[in-house]
């Protein structure tokens, strides 16, 4: 069945759009579905051009009469930039045990520096989301919301999905790379950390190991 033309709706329910000589901005929106035959959706003889509004809605506005149209079947978060904060190992101590059937254990006690930082962001009006793999389980989301409530935090959104509005991600496992280059921003420090970890595993100190290597090199000359 062919979807009705917006122009036809106006001609049957109200005065023709072309008769409106004065823009009527501020009037109520008309609900449409832009995903079904977008070319058929027109107003005042002009095809509607939908776009994403700042508040996350998919809308269009007639350039002649000012009538607004909104597709309520398509919504995305777009109101404010947001900061993602990992849970286990970042906001809460990673217990690493007592795993249940979902692959996740009990949520540990809060990590105070991160908790204080998060509360400060919220007090400043910043949008914060809990960004965690636990969000894949509805049961875990309920647990997280209870955990937040006990710690005096608001009912933050819990997600495991990024979008263009995410401006920061605080995580204990991530490595930041230079945009479009794929190289770690702190490449040297990452390499040094890995080198230190390997020397600690062998029971030696990094500085001592480097000094001994230099001594051996000069003795072989």
N, C-alpha and C. Protein backbone atom coordinates (compact mmCIF):
# COMPACT_ATOMS: atom_id res chain seq x y z
N UNK A 1 0.84 -1.20 0.00
CA UNK A 1 0.00 0.00 0.00
C UNK A 1 0.87 1.25 0.00
N UNK A 2 0.58 2.19 -0.91
CA UNK A 2 1.38 3.39 -1.02
C UNK A 2 1.11 4.32 0.16
N UNK A 3 2.16 4.80 0.85
CA UNK A 3 1.95 5.70 1.98
C UNK A 3 1.37 7.02 1.51
N UNK A 4 0.49 7.64 2.30
CA UNK A 4 -0.13 8.90 1.90
C UNK A 4 0.89 10.02 1.80
N UNK A 5 0.67 10.89 0.86
CA UNK A 5 1.52 12.07 0.69
C UNK A 5 1.16 13.10 1.76
N UNK A 6 2.18 13.72 2.36
CA UNK A 6 1.92 14.71 3.39
C UNK A 6 1.07 15.85 2.85
N UNK A 7 1.30 16.21 1.59
CA UNK A 7 0.52 17.28 0.98
C UNK A 7 -0.95 16.92 0.94
N UNK A 8 -1.26 15.64 0.62
CA UNK A 8 -2.64 15.19 0.56
C UNK A 8 -3.30 15.24 1.92
N UNK A 9 -2.53 14.92 2.99
CA UNK A 9 -3.07 14.97 4.34
C UNK A 9 -3.49 16.40 4.68
N UNK A 10 -2.64 17.34 4.33
CA UNK A 10 -2.96 18.74 4.63
C UNK A 10 -4.18 19.21 3.85
N UNK A 11 -4.31 18.78 2.59
CA UNK A 11 -5.42 19.24 1.77
C UNK A 11 -6.75 18.70 2.24
N UNK A 12 -6.72 17.53 2.89
CA UNK A 12 -7.96 16.93 3.36
C UNK A 12 -8.31 17.34 4.78
N UNK A 13 -7.31 17.58 5.63
CA UNK A 13 -7.56 17.88 7.03
C UNK A 13 -7.47 19.37 7.35
N UNK A 14 -6.66 20.11 6.61
CA UNK A 14 -6.50 21.55 6.87
C UNK A 14 -6.47 22.29 5.55
N UNK A 15 -6.24 23.56 5.63
CA UNK A 15 -6.10 24.35 4.41
C UNK A 15 -4.83 23.95 3.70
N UNK A 16 -4.80 24.07 2.36
CA UNK A 16 -3.59 23.70 1.61
C UNK A 16 -2.38 24.45 2.12
N UNK A 17 -1.24 23.76 2.13
CA UNK A 17 -0.01 24.37 2.61
C UNK A 17 0.34 25.61 1.80
N UNK A 18 0.07 25.54 0.48
CA UNK A 18 0.44 26.65 -0.38
C UNK A 18 -0.33 27.92 -0.04
N UNK A 19 -1.45 27.77 0.70
CA UNK A 19 -2.25 28.93 1.06
C UNK A 19 -1.69 29.64 2.29
N UNK A 20 -0.76 29.02 2.99
CA UNK A 20 -0.18 29.62 4.18
C UNK A 20 0.94 30.56 3.78
N UNK A 21 0.69 31.82 3.78
CA UNK A 21 1.69 32.79 3.36
C UNK A 21 2.61 33.19 4.50
N UNK A 22 2.14 33.00 5.74
CA UNK A 22 2.95 33.36 6.90
C UNK A 22 3.47 32.08 7.55
N UNK A 23 4.78 31.94 7.75
CA UNK A 23 5.33 30.75 8.41
C UNK A 23 4.69 30.53 9.78
N UNK A 24 4.39 29.30 10.08
CA UNK A 24 3.71 28.98 11.33
C UNK A 24 4.63 28.18 12.23
N UNK A 25 5.81 28.68 12.50
CA UNK A 25 6.76 28.00 13.35
C UNK A 25 6.21 27.89 14.76
N UNK A 26 6.46 26.77 15.42
CA UNK A 26 5.99 26.57 16.77
C UNK A 26 4.73 25.73 16.85
N UNK A 27 4.12 25.40 15.70
CA UNK A 27 2.93 24.57 15.73
C UNK A 27 3.31 23.13 16.03
N UNK A 28 2.31 22.32 16.33
CA UNK A 28 2.56 20.93 16.72
C UNK A 28 3.17 20.14 15.56
N UNK A 29 3.99 19.16 15.92
CA UNK A 29 4.65 18.34 14.91
C UNK A 29 3.70 17.28 14.35
N UNK A 30 4.00 16.84 13.17
CA UNK A 30 3.27 15.74 12.54
C UNK A 30 4.17 14.52 12.54
N UNK A 31 3.66 13.40 13.01
CA UNK A 31 4.46 12.18 13.09
C UNK A 31 4.48 11.48 11.74
N UNK A 32 5.66 11.17 11.25
CA UNK A 32 5.83 10.48 9.97
C UNK A 32 6.87 9.38 10.12
N UNK A 33 7.04 8.62 9.06
CA UNK A 33 8.06 7.58 9.03
C UNK A 33 8.90 7.78 7.78
N UNK A 34 10.07 8.39 7.95
CA UNK A 34 10.90 8.72 6.81
C UNK A 34 11.54 7.49 6.16
N UNK A 35 11.54 6.38 6.85
CA UNK A 35 12.18 5.17 6.31
C UNK A 35 11.32 4.51 5.24
N UNK A 36 10.05 4.88 5.13
CA UNK A 36 9.18 4.28 4.12
C UNK A 36 8.93 5.28 2.99
N UNK A 37 9.62 5.05 1.90
CA UNK A 37 9.41 5.86 0.70
C UNK A 37 9.58 7.35 0.98
N UNK A 38 10.77 7.75 1.36
CA UNK A 38 11.03 9.14 1.72
C UNK A 38 10.68 10.12 0.61
N UNK A 39 10.85 9.70 -0.64
CA UNK A 39 10.60 10.59 -1.76
C UNK A 39 9.14 11.02 -1.84
N UNK A 40 8.25 10.22 -1.24
CA UNK A 40 6.82 10.52 -1.29
C UNK A 40 6.40 11.54 -0.25
N UNK A 41 7.27 11.81 0.73
CA UNK A 41 6.92 12.73 1.79
C UNK A 41 7.27 14.15 1.38
N UNK A 42 6.23 14.98 1.20
CA UNK A 42 6.45 16.34 0.74
C UNK A 42 5.49 17.29 1.44
N UNK A 43 5.85 18.57 1.43
CA UNK A 43 5.01 19.60 2.02
C UNK A 43 5.16 20.86 1.18
N UNK A 44 4.06 21.48 0.84
CA UNK A 44 4.08 22.69 0.00
C UNK A 44 4.77 22.43 -1.34
N UNK A 45 4.64 21.19 -1.83
CA UNK A 45 5.24 20.84 -3.11
C UNK A 45 6.72 20.56 -3.05
N UNK A 46 7.32 20.62 -1.86
CA UNK A 46 8.76 20.37 -1.70
C UNK A 46 8.96 19.07 -0.94
N UNK A 47 9.89 18.24 -1.43
CA UNK A 47 10.20 16.99 -0.75
C UNK A 47 10.87 17.29 0.58
N UNK A 48 10.45 16.62 1.64
CA UNK A 48 11.01 16.86 2.97
C UNK A 48 12.41 16.25 3.08
N UNK A 49 13.32 16.98 3.67
CA UNK A 49 14.70 16.53 3.84
C UNK A 49 14.96 16.32 5.33
N UNK A 50 14.87 15.09 5.83
CA UNK A 50 15.06 14.86 7.28
C UNK A 50 16.51 15.01 7.71
N UNK A 51 16.70 15.30 9.00
CA UNK A 51 18.04 15.45 9.56
C UNK A 51 17.98 15.12 11.04
N UNK A 52 19.15 14.86 11.63
CA UNK A 52 19.22 14.56 13.06
C UNK A 52 19.31 15.87 13.84
N UNK A 53 18.35 16.10 14.71
CA UNK A 53 18.34 17.29 15.55
C UNK A 53 19.28 17.10 16.74
N UNK A 54 19.62 18.20 17.40
CA UNK A 54 20.55 18.14 18.53
C UNK A 54 20.01 17.31 19.69
N UNK A 55 18.70 17.19 19.79
CA UNK A 55 18.12 16.43 20.90
C UNK A 55 17.95 14.94 20.56
N UNK A 56 18.50 14.51 19.41
CA UNK A 56 18.48 13.09 19.08
C UNK A 56 17.29 12.64 18.26
N UNK A 57 16.44 13.57 17.81
CA UNK A 57 15.28 13.18 17.02
C UNK A 57 15.57 13.33 15.53
N UNK A 58 14.88 12.52 14.72
CA UNK A 58 15.01 12.57 13.26
C UNK A 58 13.84 13.38 12.74
N UNK A 59 14.08 14.61 12.31
CA UNK A 59 13.00 15.52 11.97
C UNK A 59 13.23 16.20 10.62
N UNK A 60 12.18 16.93 10.20
CA UNK A 60 12.27 17.75 9.01
C UNK A 60 11.36 18.95 9.20
N UNK A 61 11.68 20.05 8.54
CA UNK A 61 10.89 21.28 8.65
C UNK A 61 10.64 21.81 7.25
N UNK A 62 9.39 22.10 6.94
CA UNK A 62 9.04 22.67 5.65
C UNK A 62 9.62 24.07 5.56
N UNK A 63 10.36 24.34 4.50
CA UNK A 63 11.01 25.64 4.34
C UNK A 63 10.02 26.74 3.97
N UNK A 64 8.81 26.35 3.54
CA UNK A 64 7.83 27.35 3.12
C UNK A 64 6.86 27.72 4.23
N UNK A 65 6.29 26.72 4.89
CA UNK A 65 5.26 27.02 5.90
C UNK A 65 5.75 26.83 7.33
N UNK A 66 6.90 26.19 7.50
CA UNK A 66 7.44 26.01 8.85
C UNK A 66 6.89 24.81 9.59
N UNK A 67 6.06 23.99 8.95
CA UNK A 67 5.51 22.81 9.61
C UNK A 67 6.64 21.82 9.94
N UNK A 68 6.59 21.27 11.15
CA UNK A 68 7.61 20.32 11.59
C UNK A 68 7.09 18.89 11.48
N UNK A 69 8.00 17.98 11.13
CA UNK A 69 7.68 16.56 11.03
C UNK A 69 8.72 15.78 11.83
N UNK A 70 8.29 14.76 12.54
CA UNK A 70 9.20 13.98 13.37
C UNK A 70 8.96 12.49 13.16
N UNK A 71 10.06 11.77 12.99
CA UNK A 71 10.00 10.31 12.86
C UNK A 71 10.34 9.72 14.23
N UNK A 72 9.32 9.32 14.98
CA UNK A 72 9.51 8.83 16.34
C UNK A 72 10.01 7.39 16.38
N UNK A 73 10.14 6.76 15.22
CA UNK A 73 10.66 5.40 15.18
C UNK A 73 12.19 5.40 15.13
N UNK A 74 12.78 6.59 14.93
CA UNK A 74 14.24 6.68 14.83
C UNK A 74 14.72 7.76 15.79
N UNK A 75 15.39 7.32 16.84
CA UNK A 75 15.89 8.24 17.86
C UNK A 75 17.29 7.81 18.24
N UNK A 76 18.15 8.77 18.42
CA UNK A 76 19.50 8.46 18.88
C UNK A 76 19.89 9.49 19.93
N UNK A 77 20.80 9.10 20.81
CA UNK A 77 21.25 10.02 21.84
C UNK A 77 22.12 11.08 21.20
N UNK A 78 21.78 12.34 21.44
CA UNK A 78 22.56 13.39 20.83
C UNK A 78 22.48 14.70 21.59
N UNK A 79 21.90 14.67 22.78
CA UNK A 79 21.68 15.90 23.52
C UNK A 79 22.99 16.51 24.01
N UNK A 80 23.84 15.70 24.63
CA UNK A 80 25.07 16.22 25.21
C UNK A 80 26.22 15.23 24.99
N UNK A 81 27.43 15.72 24.92
CA UNK A 81 28.59 14.82 24.94
C UNK A 81 28.61 14.07 26.26
N UNK A 82 29.11 12.84 26.26
CA UNK A 82 29.12 12.08 27.50
C UNK A 82 30.45 11.38 27.72
N UNK A 83 30.69 11.09 28.99
CA UNK A 83 31.92 10.43 29.41
C UNK A 83 31.59 9.00 29.81
N UNK A 84 32.30 8.05 29.25
CA UNK A 84 32.11 6.65 29.60
C UNK A 84 33.07 6.24 30.70
N UNK A 85 32.54 5.57 31.72
CA UNK A 85 33.37 5.11 32.84
C UNK A 85 33.17 3.60 33.01
N UNK A 86 34.26 2.87 32.89
CA UNK A 86 34.22 1.42 33.09
C UNK A 86 33.91 1.11 34.55
N UNK A 87 33.36 -0.05 34.80
CA UNK A 87 33.00 -0.43 36.17
C UNK A 87 34.13 -1.21 36.84
N UNK A 88 34.28 -2.47 36.48
CA UNK A 88 35.26 -3.35 37.13
C UNK A 88 36.69 -2.89 36.86
N UNK A 89 37.43 -2.61 37.92
CA UNK A 89 38.81 -2.20 37.80
C UNK A 89 38.99 -0.71 37.63
N UNK A 90 37.90 0.03 37.43
CA UNK A 90 37.99 1.49 37.24
C UNK A 90 37.17 2.22 38.29
N UNK A 91 35.89 1.94 38.35
CA UNK A 91 35.02 2.56 39.35
C UNK A 91 34.84 1.65 40.56
N UNK A 92 34.91 0.36 40.32
CA UNK A 92 34.78 -0.62 41.41
C UNK A 92 35.94 -1.60 41.35
N UNK A 93 36.37 -2.06 42.50
CA UNK A 93 37.47 -3.02 42.56
C UNK A 93 37.06 -4.32 41.87
N UNK A 94 37.92 -4.78 40.99
CA UNK A 94 37.65 -6.02 40.26
C UNK A 94 37.97 -7.21 41.17
N UNK A 95 36.93 -7.89 41.62
CA UNK A 95 37.12 -9.03 42.53
C UNK A 95 37.72 -10.22 41.82
N UNK A 96 37.37 -10.41 40.56
CA UNK A 96 37.96 -11.49 39.78
C UNK A 96 37.60 -12.88 40.22
N UNK A 97 36.60 -13.02 41.07
CA UNK A 97 36.20 -14.36 41.51
C UNK A 97 34.69 -14.42 41.68
N UNK A 98 34.23 -15.56 42.19
CA UNK A 98 32.80 -15.79 42.39
C UNK A 98 31.99 -15.56 41.12
N UNK A 99 32.53 -16.05 40.01
CA UNK A 99 31.83 -15.88 38.74
C UNK A 99 30.54 -16.71 38.74
N UNK A 100 29.45 -16.09 38.21
CA UNK A 100 28.19 -16.81 38.13
C UNK A 100 27.97 -17.29 36.70
N UNK A 101 26.73 -17.69 36.39
CA UNK A 101 26.43 -18.23 35.07
C UNK A 101 26.58 -17.23 33.95
N UNK A 102 26.54 -15.94 34.24
CA UNK A 102 26.67 -14.91 33.21
C UNK A 102 28.12 -14.57 32.92
N UNK A 103 29.04 -15.09 33.69
CA UNK A 103 30.45 -14.79 33.50
C UNK A 103 30.92 -13.61 34.32
N UNK A 104 30.05 -13.05 35.14
CA UNK A 104 30.41 -11.91 35.97
C UNK A 104 30.18 -12.25 37.44
N UNK A 105 31.06 -11.74 38.29
CA UNK A 105 30.93 -11.95 39.72
C UNK A 105 30.31 -10.76 40.41
N UNK A 106 30.43 -10.74 41.71
CA UNK A 106 29.89 -9.64 42.49
C UNK A 106 30.66 -8.36 42.20
N UNK A 107 29.99 -7.23 42.28
CA UNK A 107 30.63 -5.95 42.04
C UNK A 107 31.40 -5.56 43.30
N UNK A 108 32.65 -5.19 43.12
CA UNK A 108 33.50 -4.86 44.26
C UNK A 108 33.19 -3.51 44.89
N UNK A 109 33.92 -3.18 45.90
CA UNK A 109 33.74 -1.90 46.59
C UNK A 109 34.24 -0.77 45.70
N UNK A 110 33.74 0.45 45.90
CA UNK A 110 34.13 1.57 45.04
C UNK A 110 35.59 1.98 45.19
N UNK A 111 36.16 2.44 44.10
CA UNK A 111 37.51 2.99 44.11
C UNK A 111 37.36 4.49 44.35
N UNK A 112 37.77 4.95 45.51
CA UNK A 112 37.44 6.30 45.97
C UNK A 112 37.86 7.43 45.02
N UNK A 113 39.09 7.44 44.50
CA UNK A 113 39.47 8.55 43.61
C UNK A 113 38.55 8.67 42.40
N UNK A 114 38.18 7.53 41.82
CA UNK A 114 37.31 7.55 40.65
C UNK A 114 35.89 7.92 41.04
N UNK A 115 35.45 7.46 42.18
CA UNK A 115 34.12 7.79 42.66
C UNK A 115 33.97 9.29 42.90
N UNK A 116 35.00 9.88 43.52
CA UNK A 116 34.99 11.33 43.76
C UNK A 116 34.99 12.09 42.44
N UNK A 117 35.80 11.62 41.48
CA UNK A 117 35.88 12.28 40.18
C UNK A 117 34.53 12.21 39.46
N UNK A 118 33.88 11.07 39.52
CA UNK A 118 32.60 10.89 38.85
C UNK A 118 31.53 11.79 39.47
N UNK A 119 31.50 11.88 40.79
CA UNK A 119 30.53 12.74 41.46
C UNK A 119 30.77 14.21 41.10
N UNK A 120 32.02 14.58 40.93
CA UNK A 120 32.37 15.96 40.55
C UNK A 120 31.84 16.27 39.16
N UNK A 121 32.02 15.34 38.23
CA UNK A 121 31.50 15.53 36.88
C UNK A 121 29.99 15.73 36.89
N UNK A 122 29.30 14.90 37.67
CA UNK A 122 27.84 15.00 37.73
C UNK A 122 27.41 16.34 38.32
N UNK A 123 28.12 16.79 39.36
CA UNK A 123 27.78 18.08 39.99
C UNK A 123 28.01 19.24 39.03
N UNK A 124 28.91 19.05 38.05
CA UNK A 124 29.19 20.08 37.06
C UNK A 124 28.23 20.04 35.88
N UNK A 125 27.30 19.10 35.93
CA UNK A 125 26.31 18.99 34.86
C UNK A 125 26.74 18.15 33.69
N UNK A 126 27.85 17.43 33.80
CA UNK A 126 28.32 16.58 32.71
C UNK A 126 27.54 15.26 32.68
N UNK A 127 27.37 14.73 31.48
CA UNK A 127 26.67 13.46 31.31
C UNK A 127 27.67 12.31 31.43
N UNK A 128 27.39 11.38 32.32
CA UNK A 128 28.27 10.24 32.56
C UNK A 128 27.48 8.95 32.37
N UNK A 129 28.08 7.99 31.70
CA UNK A 129 27.46 6.68 31.53
C UNK A 129 28.42 5.60 32.04
N UNK A 130 27.85 4.56 32.61
CA UNK A 130 28.66 3.41 33.01
C UNK A 130 28.84 2.53 31.78
N UNK A 131 30.08 2.44 31.32
CA UNK A 131 30.39 1.72 30.09
C UNK A 131 31.04 0.39 30.47
N UNK A 132 30.29 -0.69 30.38
CA UNK A 132 30.77 -1.97 30.88
C UNK A 132 30.20 -3.13 30.08
N UNK A 133 30.97 -4.22 30.02
CA UNK A 133 30.49 -5.43 29.35
C UNK A 133 29.31 -6.05 30.08
N UNK A 134 29.15 -5.71 31.35
CA UNK A 134 28.02 -6.24 32.13
C UNK A 134 26.67 -5.79 31.55
N UNK A 135 26.69 -4.72 30.76
CA UNK A 135 25.44 -4.19 30.21
C UNK A 135 24.76 -5.19 29.26
N UNK A 136 25.48 -6.21 28.83
CA UNK A 136 24.89 -7.22 27.95
C UNK A 136 23.90 -8.11 28.69
N UNK A 137 23.90 -8.07 30.02
CA UNK A 137 23.01 -8.89 30.83
C UNK A 137 22.04 -8.00 31.61
N UNK A 138 20.73 -8.12 31.37
CA UNK A 138 19.74 -7.33 32.11
C UNK A 138 19.87 -7.51 33.62
N UNK A 139 20.22 -8.72 34.05
CA UNK A 139 20.39 -8.99 35.47
C UNK A 139 21.53 -8.16 36.04
N UNK A 140 22.61 -8.05 35.28
CA UNK A 140 23.77 -7.27 35.72
C UNK A 140 23.45 -5.78 35.76
N UNK A 141 22.65 -5.31 34.82
CA UNK A 141 22.27 -3.90 34.80
C UNK A 141 21.51 -3.54 36.07
N UNK A 142 20.63 -4.43 36.50
CA UNK A 142 19.89 -4.21 37.75
C UNK A 142 20.85 -4.14 38.94
N UNK A 143 21.84 -5.04 38.96
CA UNK A 143 22.84 -5.05 40.02
C UNK A 143 23.63 -3.74 40.05
N UNK A 144 24.00 -3.26 38.86
CA UNK A 144 24.78 -2.02 38.77
C UNK A 144 23.97 -0.84 39.28
N UNK A 145 22.70 -0.78 38.90
CA UNK A 145 21.85 0.33 39.35
C UNK A 145 21.71 0.34 40.88
N UNK A 146 21.60 -0.83 41.47
CA UNK A 146 21.53 -0.92 42.93
C UNK A 146 22.86 -0.49 43.56
N UNK A 147 23.96 -0.88 42.94
CA UNK A 147 25.29 -0.51 43.42
C UNK A 147 25.46 1.00 43.39
N UNK A 148 25.02 1.63 42.30
CA UNK A 148 25.12 3.08 42.18
C UNK A 148 24.29 3.78 43.25
N UNK A 149 23.09 3.27 43.50
CA UNK A 149 22.20 3.87 44.49
C UNK A 149 22.81 3.85 45.87
N UNK A 150 23.41 2.73 46.24
CA UNK A 150 24.03 2.59 47.57
C UNK A 150 25.20 3.57 47.71
N UNK A 151 25.90 3.85 46.62
CA UNK A 151 27.06 4.75 46.67
C UNK A 151 26.68 6.23 46.51
N UNK A 152 25.40 6.52 46.56
CA UNK A 152 24.96 7.91 46.47
C UNK A 152 25.02 8.50 45.08
N UNK A 153 25.00 7.66 44.06
CA UNK A 153 25.05 8.11 42.68
C UNK A 153 23.66 8.06 42.05
N UNK A 154 23.38 8.91 41.07
CA UNK A 154 22.08 8.89 40.40
C UNK A 154 21.93 7.66 39.52
N UNK A 155 20.76 7.50 38.96
CA UNK A 155 20.47 6.34 38.10
C UNK A 155 21.09 6.58 36.73
N UNK A 156 22.40 6.36 36.63
CA UNK A 156 23.13 6.60 35.39
C UNK A 156 22.78 5.55 34.34
N UNK A 157 22.92 5.95 33.09
CA UNK A 157 22.70 4.99 32.01
C UNK A 157 23.83 3.97 32.01
N UNK A 158 23.47 2.70 31.82
CA UNK A 158 24.45 1.62 31.77
C UNK A 158 24.44 1.07 30.34
N UNK A 159 25.59 1.09 29.69
CA UNK A 159 25.65 0.70 28.29
C UNK A 159 26.96 0.02 27.95
N UNK A 160 27.00 -0.64 26.82
CA UNK A 160 28.24 -1.17 26.26
C UNK A 160 28.37 -0.77 24.79
N UNK A 161 27.67 0.31 24.44
CA UNK A 161 27.65 0.79 23.06
C UNK A 161 28.19 2.22 23.00
N UNK A 162 29.14 2.46 22.10
CA UNK A 162 29.67 3.81 21.88
C UNK A 162 28.85 4.51 20.80
N UNK A 163 28.84 5.83 20.84
CA UNK A 163 28.24 6.62 19.78
C UNK A 163 29.09 7.87 19.58
N UNK A 164 28.84 8.64 18.53
CA UNK A 164 29.68 9.81 18.24
C UNK A 164 29.72 10.85 19.36
N UNK A 165 28.78 10.80 20.30
CA UNK A 165 28.75 11.80 21.36
C UNK A 165 29.66 11.45 22.53
N UNK A 166 30.24 10.26 22.54
CA UNK A 166 31.16 9.89 23.61
C UNK A 166 32.49 10.60 23.39
N UNK A 167 32.88 11.42 24.36
CA UNK A 167 34.10 12.22 24.22
C UNK A 167 35.27 11.66 25.00
N UNK A 168 35.01 10.84 26.02
CA UNK A 168 36.08 10.25 26.82
C UNK A 168 35.66 8.86 27.28
N UNK A 169 36.65 8.01 27.47
CA UNK A 169 36.41 6.68 28.04
C UNK A 169 37.47 6.41 29.08
N UNK A 170 37.04 6.23 30.32
CA UNK A 170 37.95 5.91 31.42
C UNK A 170 37.87 4.41 31.67
N UNK A 171 38.99 3.73 31.42
CA UNK A 171 39.00 2.27 31.49
C UNK A 171 40.40 1.82 31.91
N UNK A 172 40.48 0.70 32.63
CA UNK A 172 41.78 0.23 33.11
C UNK A 172 42.50 -0.63 32.08
N UNK A 173 41.91 -0.86 30.93
CA UNK A 173 42.55 -1.71 29.93
C UNK A 173 42.78 -1.02 28.58
N UNK A 174 42.20 0.16 28.39
CA UNK A 174 42.28 0.79 27.08
C UNK A 174 43.65 1.42 26.82
N UNK A 175 44.01 1.51 25.55
CA UNK A 175 45.23 2.18 25.11
C UNK A 175 44.81 3.22 24.09
N UNK A 176 45.08 4.49 24.34
CA UNK A 176 44.68 5.55 23.43
C UNK A 176 45.61 5.61 22.24
N UNK A 177 45.05 5.72 21.04
CA UNK A 177 45.84 5.80 19.82
C UNK A 177 45.59 7.14 19.14
N UNK A 178 46.53 7.56 18.30
CA UNK A 178 46.40 8.80 17.56
C UNK A 178 45.37 8.62 16.45
N UNK A 179 44.46 9.57 16.32
CA UNK A 179 43.38 9.47 15.35
C UNK A 179 43.89 9.24 13.93
N UNK A 180 43.33 8.22 13.29
CA UNK A 180 43.63 7.86 11.89
C UNK A 180 45.06 7.37 11.66
N UNK A 181 45.83 7.18 12.73
CA UNK A 181 47.20 6.69 12.57
C UNK A 181 47.41 5.31 13.17
N UNK A 182 46.63 5.00 14.21
CA UNK A 182 46.74 3.68 14.82
C UNK A 182 47.94 3.49 15.72
N UNK A 183 48.67 4.57 16.00
CA UNK A 183 49.83 4.49 16.87
C UNK A 183 49.46 4.95 18.28
N UNK A 184 49.94 4.24 19.31
CA UNK A 184 49.64 4.66 20.69
C UNK A 184 50.19 6.05 20.97
N UNK A 185 49.41 6.87 21.65
CA UNK A 185 49.84 8.21 21.99
C UNK A 185 51.02 8.17 22.96
N UNK A 186 50.99 7.23 23.88
CA UNK A 186 52.07 7.07 24.84
C UNK A 186 52.83 5.79 24.52
N UNK A 187 53.32 5.68 23.30
CA UNK A 187 53.99 4.47 22.84
C UNK A 187 55.21 4.14 23.68
N UNK A 188 56.01 5.16 24.00
CA UNK A 188 57.23 4.93 24.78
C UNK A 188 56.91 4.42 26.16
N UNK A 189 55.91 5.07 26.81
CA UNK A 189 55.59 4.67 28.17
C UNK A 189 55.00 3.27 28.20
N UNK A 190 54.25 2.92 27.15
CA UNK A 190 53.67 1.57 27.09
C UNK A 190 54.77 0.53 26.97
N UNK A 191 55.74 0.81 26.10
CA UNK A 191 56.86 -0.13 25.93
C UNK A 191 57.66 -0.25 27.22
N UNK A 192 57.90 0.89 27.88
CA UNK A 192 58.64 0.86 29.13
C UNK A 192 57.91 0.05 30.19
N UNK A 193 56.57 0.22 30.23
CA UNK A 193 55.80 -0.51 31.23
C UNK A 193 55.88 -2.01 30.98
N UNK A 194 55.80 -2.41 29.69
CA UNK A 194 55.90 -3.84 29.37
C UNK A 194 57.28 -4.38 29.72
N UNK A 195 58.33 -3.56 29.49
CA UNK A 195 59.69 -3.98 29.81
C UNK A 195 59.86 -4.14 31.32
N UNK A 196 59.28 -3.22 32.06
CA UNK A 196 59.37 -3.30 33.52
C UNK A 196 58.66 -4.52 34.06
N UNK A 197 57.50 -4.81 33.46
CA UNK A 197 56.73 -5.98 33.91
C UNK A 197 57.51 -7.26 33.66
N UNK A 198 58.21 -7.33 32.50
CA UNK A 198 58.97 -8.55 32.19
C UNK A 198 60.16 -8.70 33.13
N UNK A 199 60.82 -7.60 33.49
CA UNK A 199 61.97 -7.69 34.39
C UNK A 199 61.53 -8.01 35.81
N UNK A 200 60.36 -7.49 36.20
CA UNK A 200 59.86 -7.81 37.54
C UNK A 200 59.52 -9.29 37.65
N UNK A 201 59.05 -9.83 36.51
CA UNK A 201 58.71 -11.25 36.54
C UNK A 201 59.93 -12.12 36.75
N UNK A 202 61.10 -11.63 36.33
CA UNK A 202 62.32 -12.41 36.52
C UNK A 202 63.03 -12.07 37.83
N UNK A 203 62.40 -11.16 38.61
CA UNK A 203 62.94 -10.85 39.92
C UNK A 203 63.99 -9.77 39.93
N UNK A 204 64.26 -9.11 38.79
CA UNK A 204 65.27 -8.07 38.73
C UNK A 204 64.68 -6.69 38.67
N UNK A 205 65.52 -5.69 38.86
CA UNK A 205 65.08 -4.30 38.75
C UNK A 205 65.45 -3.78 37.37
N UNK A 206 64.57 -2.97 36.73
CA UNK A 206 64.84 -2.48 35.38
C UNK A 206 66.14 -1.72 35.28
N UNK A 207 66.42 -0.82 36.25
CA UNK A 207 67.63 -0.03 36.19
C UNK A 207 68.88 -0.91 36.27
N UNK A 208 68.86 -1.89 37.16
CA UNK A 208 70.01 -2.80 37.32
C UNK A 208 70.23 -3.62 36.07
N UNK A 209 69.14 -4.07 35.46
CA UNK A 209 69.25 -4.88 34.26
C UNK A 209 69.89 -4.09 33.13
N UNK A 210 69.48 -2.84 32.95
CA UNK A 210 70.06 -2.00 31.90
C UNK A 210 71.55 -1.74 32.14
N UNK A 211 71.93 -1.50 33.40
CA UNK A 211 73.33 -1.23 33.73
C UNK A 211 74.21 -2.44 33.44
N UNK A 212 73.74 -3.62 33.82
CA UNK A 212 74.51 -4.84 33.57
C UNK A 212 74.68 -5.10 32.09
N UNK A 213 73.63 -4.78 31.32
CA UNK A 213 73.73 -4.99 29.88
C UNK A 213 74.80 -4.09 29.27
N UNK A 214 74.87 -2.86 29.75
CA UNK A 214 75.88 -1.95 29.24
C UNK A 214 77.28 -2.40 29.62
N UNK A 215 77.47 -2.90 30.84
CA UNK A 215 78.77 -3.37 31.29
C UNK A 215 79.24 -4.55 30.44
N UNK A 216 78.32 -5.49 30.18
CA UNK A 216 78.67 -6.65 29.37
C UNK A 216 79.08 -6.22 27.97
N UNK A 217 78.40 -5.20 27.43
CA UNK A 217 78.70 -4.73 26.08
C UNK A 217 80.13 -4.17 26.00
N UNK A 218 80.54 -3.36 26.98
CA UNK A 218 81.89 -2.78 26.98
C UNK A 218 82.97 -3.83 27.23
N UNK A 219 82.67 -4.86 28.00
CA UNK A 219 83.65 -5.93 28.25
C UNK A 219 83.93 -6.75 27.01
N UNK A 220 82.95 -6.79 26.12
CA UNK A 220 83.16 -7.60 24.91
C UNK A 220 83.92 -6.84 23.82
N UNK A 221 84.14 -5.51 24.04
CA UNK A 221 84.85 -4.72 23.04
C UNK A 221 86.34 -5.04 23.02
